[in-house]
Amino acid sequence: MIGKQGAAAFLAMSMAASAAIEVADADSAPYRVEIGGDIHERFRADCRALKSASVESKEDKFFTVVDQAPAQFDLNGEAVECVVRKLKGDGTITVMLRQGDGVPIASSTLLTRKHQLRLRSVGPWGVGGVKVLTGATPV
C-alpha cells in the first residue's frame, strides 16, 4: 500500500509521461533528451517544443518530466529547449539533447542536487547548445 505522497508522486510521473507522449509524434520526433549517469538519480526537466524555429508563440507546448536516471523522451517541434535540474541523489546525471537522427546537439553533467542546466536546439534564441545555470560541468 502506498501513502498519499507516493500516490501523488506516481500520478505526477504518469501525467508527465503522458505529456511527453503527446508532444512526440509517433512517426518522427525531431529531438530526443537522454538522461544517464548513476542509476536512480532523480531529475526534473521543464521543456518547451516550439511550433516555429524562428519565433516563440502561444502555440508552443510546455511540459514537465519528473523521473530518475536512466530515462529518455522525444520532443516534436521545430525547436526545443529543456531546463534539467537534479533533485535527489549523491551521484551524477548526464544529460544529452540529440536530433531525431541521433546527432548530438548538446550535453552536460549535473553533479550537485538542485543545480540545473539549459539545453537548446537551434531556434529563435540563435545557435543550440548547453548553458550551465548552476553547478553543472559542460562536456
N, C-alpha and C. Protein backbone atom coordinates (compact mmCIF):
# COMPACT_ATOMS: atom_id res chain seq x y z
N MET A 1 0.85 -1.18 0.00
CA MET A 1 0.00 0.00 0.00
C MET A 1 0.89 1.24 0.00
N ILE A 2 0.58 2.20 -0.85
CA ILE A 2 1.36 3.43 -0.90
C ILE A 2 0.57 4.54 -0.22
N GLY A 3 1.32 5.46 0.40
CA GLY A 3 0.68 6.57 1.09
C GLY A 3 0.24 7.64 0.11
N LYS A 4 -0.32 8.72 0.67
CA LYS A 4 -0.80 9.83 -0.16
C LYS A 4 0.32 10.45 -0.97
N GLN A 5 1.51 10.61 -0.35
CA GLN A 5 2.63 11.21 -1.08
C GLN A 5 3.08 10.31 -2.22
N GLY A 6 3.13 9.00 -1.98
CA GLY A 6 3.52 8.06 -3.02
C GLY A 6 2.54 8.07 -4.17
N ALA A 7 1.24 8.10 -3.84
CA ALA A 7 0.22 8.14 -4.88
C ALA A 7 0.31 9.43 -5.68
N ALA A 8 0.56 10.55 -5.01
CA ALA A 8 0.68 11.84 -5.70
C ALA A 8 1.89 11.84 -6.62
N ALA A 9 3.01 11.28 -6.15
CA ALA A 9 4.23 11.21 -6.99
C ALA A 9 3.99 10.34 -8.21
N PHE A 10 3.33 9.19 -8.02
CA PHE A 10 3.03 8.30 -9.15
C PHE A 10 2.14 9.00 -10.16
N LEU A 11 1.11 9.72 -9.68
CA LEU A 11 0.21 10.44 -10.58
C LEU A 11 0.96 11.51 -11.35
N ALA A 12 1.85 12.25 -10.67
CA ALA A 12 2.61 13.31 -11.34
C ALA A 12 3.51 12.72 -12.42
N MET A 13 4.17 11.58 -12.13
CA MET A 13 5.05 10.96 -13.13
C MET A 13 4.23 10.42 -14.30
N SER A 14 3.06 9.86 -14.01
CA SER A 14 2.20 9.36 -15.09
C SER A 14 1.74 10.48 -15.99
N MET A 15 1.36 11.60 -15.38
CA MET A 15 0.90 12.76 -16.16
C MET A 15 2.06 13.31 -16.98
N ALA A 16 3.27 13.35 -16.40
CA ALA A 16 4.43 13.85 -17.13
C ALA A 16 4.73 12.96 -18.32
N ALA A 17 4.67 11.66 -18.13
CA ALA A 17 4.91 10.74 -19.24
C ALA A 17 3.87 10.92 -20.33
N SER A 18 2.61 11.14 -19.94
CA SER A 18 1.56 11.38 -20.92
C SER A 18 1.83 12.64 -21.71
N ALA A 19 2.29 13.69 -21.02
CA ALA A 19 2.58 14.95 -21.71
C ALA A 19 3.68 14.75 -22.73
N ALA A 20 4.72 13.99 -22.37
CA ALA A 20 5.82 13.75 -23.31
C ALA A 20 5.33 12.98 -24.53
N ILE A 21 4.46 12.02 -24.33
CA ILE A 21 3.94 11.23 -25.44
C ILE A 21 3.10 12.11 -26.36
N GLU A 22 2.33 13.04 -25.81
CA GLU A 22 1.51 13.92 -26.63
C GLU A 22 2.39 14.84 -27.47
N VAL A 23 3.52 15.28 -26.95
CA VAL A 23 4.38 16.20 -27.67
C VAL A 23 5.11 15.48 -28.79
N ALA A 24 5.52 14.24 -28.56
CA ALA A 24 6.28 13.50 -29.57
C ALA A 24 5.36 12.86 -30.59
N ASP A 25 5.72 12.97 -31.84
CA ASP A 25 5.00 12.35 -32.95
C ASP A 25 5.46 10.90 -33.07
N ALA A 26 4.54 9.99 -33.27
CA ALA A 26 4.89 8.56 -33.34
C ALA A 26 5.80 8.26 -34.52
N ASP A 27 5.65 8.96 -35.63
CA ASP A 27 6.44 8.68 -36.82
C ASP A 27 7.82 9.32 -36.79
N SER A 28 7.90 10.53 -36.27
CA SER A 28 9.17 11.24 -36.31
C SER A 28 9.25 12.23 -35.16
N ALA A 29 10.23 12.06 -34.31
CA ALA A 29 10.49 13.02 -33.24
C ALA A 29 11.81 13.71 -33.56
N PRO A 30 11.78 15.00 -33.87
CA PRO A 30 12.99 15.69 -34.28
C PRO A 30 14.07 15.75 -33.20
N TYR A 31 13.71 15.59 -31.92
CA TYR A 31 14.69 15.72 -30.85
C TYR A 31 14.46 14.65 -29.78
N ARG A 32 15.55 14.27 -29.12
CA ARG A 32 15.48 13.30 -28.02
C ARG A 32 16.34 13.82 -26.88
N VAL A 33 15.80 13.75 -25.66
CA VAL A 33 16.56 14.08 -24.45
C VAL A 33 16.89 12.75 -23.76
N GLU A 34 18.17 12.54 -23.47
CA GLU A 34 18.62 11.33 -22.80
C GLU A 34 19.23 11.71 -21.46
N ILE A 35 18.78 11.03 -20.42
CA ILE A 35 19.30 11.25 -19.07
C ILE A 35 19.99 9.97 -18.64
N GLY A 36 21.26 10.05 -18.34
CA GLY A 36 22.03 8.89 -17.90
C GLY A 36 22.75 9.19 -16.60
N GLY A 37 23.78 8.42 -16.33
CA GLY A 37 24.55 8.62 -15.11
C GLY A 37 24.24 7.55 -14.09
N ASP A 38 24.38 7.92 -12.84
CA ASP A 38 24.14 6.97 -11.75
C ASP A 38 22.66 6.62 -11.67
N ILE A 39 22.39 5.33 -11.58
CA ILE A 39 21.01 4.85 -11.58
C ILE A 39 20.25 5.40 -10.38
N HIS A 40 19.01 5.70 -10.58
CA HIS A 40 18.06 6.19 -9.57
C HIS A 40 18.28 7.65 -9.16
N GLU A 41 19.16 8.37 -9.83
CA GLU A 41 19.29 9.80 -9.54
C GLU A 41 18.04 10.49 -10.07
N ARG A 42 17.37 11.28 -9.24
CA ARG A 42 16.11 11.92 -9.64
C ARG A 42 16.37 13.26 -10.30
N PHE A 43 15.55 13.58 -11.32
CA PHE A 43 15.68 14.84 -12.04
C PHE A 43 14.30 15.38 -12.39
N ARG A 44 14.30 16.64 -12.77
CA ARG A 44 13.10 17.31 -13.30
C ARG A 44 13.53 18.02 -14.56
N ALA A 45 12.77 17.83 -15.64
CA ALA A 45 13.03 18.52 -16.91
C ALA A 45 11.80 19.33 -17.29
N ASP A 46 11.98 20.63 -17.39
CA ASP A 46 10.91 21.54 -17.85
C ASP A 46 11.24 21.89 -19.29
N CYS A 47 10.39 21.44 -20.21
CA CYS A 47 10.71 21.55 -21.64
C CYS A 47 9.65 22.34 -22.40
N ARG A 48 10.10 22.84 -23.54
CA ARG A 48 9.21 23.56 -24.46
C ARG A 48 9.53 23.10 -25.87
N ALA A 49 8.49 22.75 -26.61
CA ALA A 49 8.61 22.40 -28.03
C ALA A 49 7.97 23.54 -28.81
N LEU A 50 8.76 24.21 -29.64
CA LEU A 50 8.28 25.37 -30.38
C LEU A 50 7.69 24.97 -31.72
N LYS A 51 6.62 25.64 -32.09
CA LYS A 51 5.97 25.39 -33.37
C LYS A 51 6.82 25.94 -34.52
N SER A 52 7.58 27.01 -34.26
CA SER A 52 8.41 27.64 -35.28
C SER A 52 9.85 27.72 -34.79
N ALA A 53 10.80 27.53 -35.69
CA ALA A 53 12.22 27.63 -35.31
C ALA A 53 12.69 29.07 -35.27
N SER A 54 11.84 30.01 -35.72
CA SER A 54 12.29 31.40 -35.79
C SER A 54 11.58 32.34 -34.82
N VAL A 55 10.48 31.91 -34.21
CA VAL A 55 9.75 32.82 -33.31
C VAL A 55 9.02 32.00 -32.24
N GLU A 56 8.97 32.55 -31.02
CA GLU A 56 8.19 31.92 -29.95
C GLU A 56 6.72 32.29 -30.14
N SER A 57 5.79 31.38 -29.79
CA SER A 57 4.38 31.68 -29.97
C SER A 57 3.54 31.06 -28.87
N LYS A 58 2.26 31.44 -28.85
CA LYS A 58 1.31 30.88 -27.88
C LYS A 58 1.01 29.42 -28.17
N GLU A 59 1.37 28.94 -29.36
CA GLU A 59 1.11 27.55 -29.73
C GLU A 59 2.24 26.61 -29.34
N ASP A 60 3.31 27.14 -28.74
CA ASP A 60 4.38 26.29 -28.24
C ASP A 60 3.83 25.41 -27.13
N LYS A 61 4.38 24.20 -26.98
CA LYS A 61 3.91 23.26 -25.96
C LYS A 61 4.92 23.18 -24.83
N PHE A 62 4.41 23.25 -23.60
CA PHE A 62 5.23 23.17 -22.40
C PHE A 62 4.86 21.91 -21.63
N PHE A 63 5.84 21.26 -21.04
CA PHE A 63 5.55 20.12 -20.19
C PHE A 63 6.72 19.86 -19.25
N THR A 64 6.45 19.05 -18.23
CA THR A 64 7.45 18.72 -17.22
C THR A 64 7.56 17.20 -17.10
N VAL A 65 8.78 16.72 -16.99
CA VAL A 65 9.04 15.30 -16.75
C VAL A 65 9.81 15.21 -15.44
N VAL A 66 9.29 14.43 -14.49
CA VAL A 66 9.99 14.13 -13.24
C VAL A 66 10.20 12.63 -13.23
N ASP A 67 11.46 12.21 -13.16
CA ASP A 67 11.77 10.78 -13.28
C ASP A 67 13.12 10.53 -12.64
N GLN A 68 13.68 9.35 -12.88
CA GLN A 68 15.01 9.02 -12.40
C GLN A 68 15.82 8.42 -13.54
N ALA A 69 17.14 8.56 -13.42
CA ALA A 69 18.04 8.03 -14.44
C ALA A 69 18.05 6.51 -14.37
N PRO A 70 18.20 5.85 -15.50
CA PRO A 70 18.26 6.37 -16.86
C PRO A 70 16.85 6.62 -17.41
N ALA A 71 16.74 7.60 -18.29
CA ALA A 71 15.45 7.93 -18.91
C ALA A 71 15.72 8.61 -20.25
N GLN A 72 14.73 8.59 -21.11
CA GLN A 72 14.81 9.33 -22.37
C GLN A 72 13.39 9.67 -22.80
N PHE A 73 13.25 10.78 -23.50
CA PHE A 73 11.96 11.16 -24.06
C PHE A 73 12.17 11.97 -25.32
N ASP A 74 11.20 11.89 -26.21
CA ASP A 74 11.27 12.56 -27.51
C ASP A 74 10.44 13.84 -27.49
N LEU A 75 10.88 14.82 -28.26
CA LEU A 75 10.19 16.10 -28.40
C LEU A 75 9.94 16.36 -29.87
N ASN A 76 8.74 16.77 -30.20
CA ASN A 76 8.41 17.06 -31.58
C ASN A 76 8.11 18.55 -31.71
N GLY A 77 8.99 19.26 -32.37
CA GLY A 77 8.82 20.69 -32.60
C GLY A 77 9.90 21.16 -33.56
N GLU A 78 9.75 22.36 -34.05
CA GLU A 78 10.76 22.92 -34.94
C GLU A 78 12.01 23.33 -34.17
N ALA A 79 11.85 23.63 -32.88
CA ALA A 79 12.96 23.96 -31.98
C ALA A 79 12.54 23.53 -30.59
N VAL A 80 13.51 23.20 -29.73
CA VAL A 80 13.19 22.77 -28.36
C VAL A 80 14.19 23.35 -27.38
N GLU A 81 13.73 23.45 -26.14
CA GLU A 81 14.63 23.78 -25.04
C GLU A 81 14.14 23.06 -23.79
N CYS A 82 15.08 22.64 -22.96
CA CYS A 82 14.76 21.98 -21.69
C CYS A 82 15.70 22.50 -20.61
N VAL A 83 15.15 22.79 -19.44
CA VAL A 83 15.95 23.08 -18.26
C VAL A 83 15.85 21.83 -17.38
N VAL A 84 17.01 21.24 -17.09
CA VAL A 84 17.06 20.00 -16.32
C VAL A 84 17.71 20.29 -14.97
N ARG A 85 17.03 19.83 -13.90
CA ARG A 85 17.52 20.00 -12.53
C ARG A 85 17.71 18.64 -11.89
N LYS A 86 18.76 18.49 -11.13
CA LYS A 86 18.97 17.29 -10.33
C LYS A 86 18.23 17.49 -9.02
N LEU A 87 17.35 16.53 -8.67
CA LEU A 87 16.53 16.66 -7.47
C LEU A 87 17.07 15.90 -6.27
N LYS A 88 17.46 14.64 -6.48
CA LYS A 88 17.91 13.80 -5.37
C LYS A 88 19.04 12.90 -5.82
N GLY A 89 19.83 12.48 -4.83
CA GLY A 89 20.90 11.54 -5.09
C GLY A 89 22.26 12.20 -4.95
N ASP A 90 23.26 11.38 -4.67
CA ASP A 90 24.62 11.88 -4.47
C ASP A 90 25.52 11.62 -5.67
N GLY A 91 25.01 10.96 -6.69
CA GLY A 91 25.79 10.65 -7.87
C GLY A 91 25.69 11.74 -8.93
N THR A 92 26.03 11.39 -10.15
CA THR A 92 25.99 12.35 -11.25
C THR A 92 24.88 11.98 -12.23
N ILE A 93 24.44 12.98 -12.97
CA ILE A 93 23.47 12.80 -14.04
C ILE A 93 24.08 13.40 -15.30
N THR A 94 24.05 12.64 -16.39
CA THR A 94 24.48 13.18 -17.67
C THR A 94 23.24 13.44 -18.51
N VAL A 95 23.23 14.56 -19.19
CA VAL A 95 22.08 14.96 -19.99
C VAL A 95 22.56 15.25 -21.41
N MET A 96 21.83 14.70 -22.40
CA MET A 96 22.19 14.94 -23.79
C MET A 96 20.94 15.26 -24.59
N LEU A 97 21.04 16.27 -25.44
CA LEU A 97 19.99 16.60 -26.41
C LEU A 97 20.51 16.16 -27.77
N ARG A 98 19.69 15.35 -28.47
CA ARG A 98 20.07 14.85 -29.81
C ARG A 98 18.99 15.23 -30.82
N GLN A 99 19.42 15.33 -32.07
CA GLN A 99 18.47 15.43 -33.16
C GLN A 99 17.80 14.07 -33.30
N GLY A 100 16.66 14.02 -33.99
CA GLY A 100 15.95 12.77 -34.18
C GLY A 100 16.77 11.69 -34.85
N ASP A 101 17.76 12.08 -35.67
CA ASP A 101 18.61 11.09 -36.33
C ASP A 101 19.78 10.64 -35.45
N GLY A 102 19.82 11.11 -34.20
CA GLY A 102 20.84 10.68 -33.25
C GLY A 102 22.05 11.58 -33.13
N VAL A 103 22.16 12.61 -33.95
CA VAL A 103 23.31 13.50 -33.90
C VAL A 103 23.22 14.36 -32.63
N PRO A 104 24.29 14.36 -31.79
CA PRO A 104 24.27 15.16 -30.56
C PRO A 104 24.26 16.66 -30.85
N ILE A 105 23.47 17.37 -30.06
CA ILE A 105 23.42 18.83 -30.13
C ILE A 105 24.16 19.43 -28.94
N ALA A 106 23.87 18.89 -27.74
CA ALA A 106 24.46 19.43 -26.52
C ALA A 106 24.45 18.36 -25.43
N SER A 107 25.44 18.43 -24.53
CA SER A 107 25.45 17.52 -23.39
C SER A 107 26.17 18.17 -22.22
N SER A 108 25.85 17.71 -21.02
CA SER A 108 26.48 18.21 -19.82
C SER A 108 26.26 17.21 -18.70
N THR A 109 26.94 17.43 -17.57
CA THR A 109 26.82 16.56 -16.40
C THR A 109 26.42 17.40 -15.20
N LEU A 110 25.39 16.94 -14.49
CA LEU A 110 24.96 17.59 -13.24
C LEU A 110 25.59 16.84 -12.09
N LEU A 111 26.26 17.57 -11.21
CA LEU A 111 26.96 16.95 -10.09
C LEU A 111 26.25 17.16 -8.75
N THR A 112 25.60 18.28 -8.58
CA THR A 112 25.06 18.67 -7.28
C THR A 112 23.55 18.80 -7.32
N ARG A 113 22.89 18.38 -6.25
CA ARG A 113 21.44 18.47 -6.16
C ARG A 113 20.96 19.91 -6.34
N LYS A 114 19.80 20.02 -6.94
CA LYS A 114 19.09 21.29 -7.16
C LYS A 114 19.81 22.22 -8.12
N HIS A 115 20.86 21.75 -8.76
CA HIS A 115 21.52 22.57 -9.77
C HIS A 115 20.92 22.24 -11.13
N GLN A 116 21.14 23.11 -12.11
CA GLN A 116 20.42 22.97 -13.38
C GLN A 116 21.24 23.43 -14.57
N LEU A 117 20.77 23.01 -15.74
CA LEU A 117 21.36 23.47 -16.99
C LEU A 117 20.25 23.57 -18.03
N ARG A 118 20.53 24.32 -19.08
CA ARG A 118 19.55 24.51 -20.16
C ARG A 118 20.14 23.98 -21.46
N LEU A 119 19.39 23.10 -22.12
CA LEU A 119 19.77 22.54 -23.41
C LEU A 119 18.82 23.11 -24.46
N ARG A 120 19.38 23.54 -25.59
CA ARG A 120 18.54 24.12 -26.66
C ARG A 120 19.00 23.63 -28.03
N SER A 121 18.03 23.47 -28.92
CA SER A 121 18.33 23.27 -30.34
C SER A 121 18.52 24.66 -30.95
N VAL A 122 18.81 24.71 -32.23
CA VAL A 122 18.80 25.98 -32.94
C VAL A 122 17.37 26.50 -32.90
N GLY A 123 17.19 27.78 -32.63
CA GLY A 123 15.84 28.33 -32.52
C GLY A 123 15.86 29.84 -32.54
N PRO A 124 14.78 30.46 -32.06
CA PRO A 124 14.70 31.92 -32.08
C PRO A 124 15.77 32.59 -31.22
N TRP A 125 16.40 31.84 -30.34
CA TRP A 125 17.47 32.35 -29.48
C TRP A 125 18.83 32.28 -30.14
N GLY A 126 18.91 31.66 -31.34
CA GLY A 126 20.19 31.54 -32.04
C GLY A 126 20.64 30.10 -32.09
N VAL A 127 21.96 29.88 -32.00
CA VAL A 127 22.52 28.54 -32.10
C VAL A 127 22.12 27.70 -30.89
N GLY A 128 22.13 26.38 -31.09
CA GLY A 128 21.81 25.47 -30.00
C GLY A 128 23.04 25.22 -29.13
N GLY A 129 22.80 24.52 -28.04
CA GLY A 129 23.90 24.17 -27.15
C GLY A 129 23.40 24.02 -25.73
N VAL A 130 24.34 24.06 -24.82
CA VAL A 130 24.03 23.92 -23.41
C VAL A 130 24.56 25.13 -22.66
N LYS A 131 23.78 25.59 -21.69
CA LYS A 131 24.22 26.67 -20.82
C LYS A 131 24.13 26.18 -19.40
N VAL A 132 25.24 26.26 -18.69
CA VAL A 132 25.29 25.87 -17.29
C VAL A 132 24.66 27.01 -16.50
N LEU A 133 23.55 26.71 -15.81
CA LEU A 133 22.90 27.74 -15.00
C LEU A 133 23.48 27.74 -13.59
N THR A 134 23.64 26.55 -13.00
CA THR A 134 24.31 26.43 -11.71
C THR A 134 24.80 25.00 -11.54
N GLY A 135 26.00 24.83 -11.07
CA GLY A 135 26.52 23.55 -10.62
C GLY A 135 26.70 22.45 -11.62
N ALA A 136 26.73 22.72 -12.90
CA ALA A 136 26.91 21.66 -13.89
C ALA A 136 28.26 21.83 -14.58
N THR A 137 28.77 20.76 -15.13
CA THR A 137 30.03 20.78 -15.84
C THR A 137 29.78 20.46 -17.30
N PRO A 138 30.02 21.38 -18.26
CA PRO A 138 29.82 21.06 -19.67
C PRO A 138 30.77 19.96 -20.11
N VAL A 139 30.29 19.12 -21.02
CA VAL A 139 31.10 18.02 -21.54
C VAL A 139 31.64 18.39 -22.90
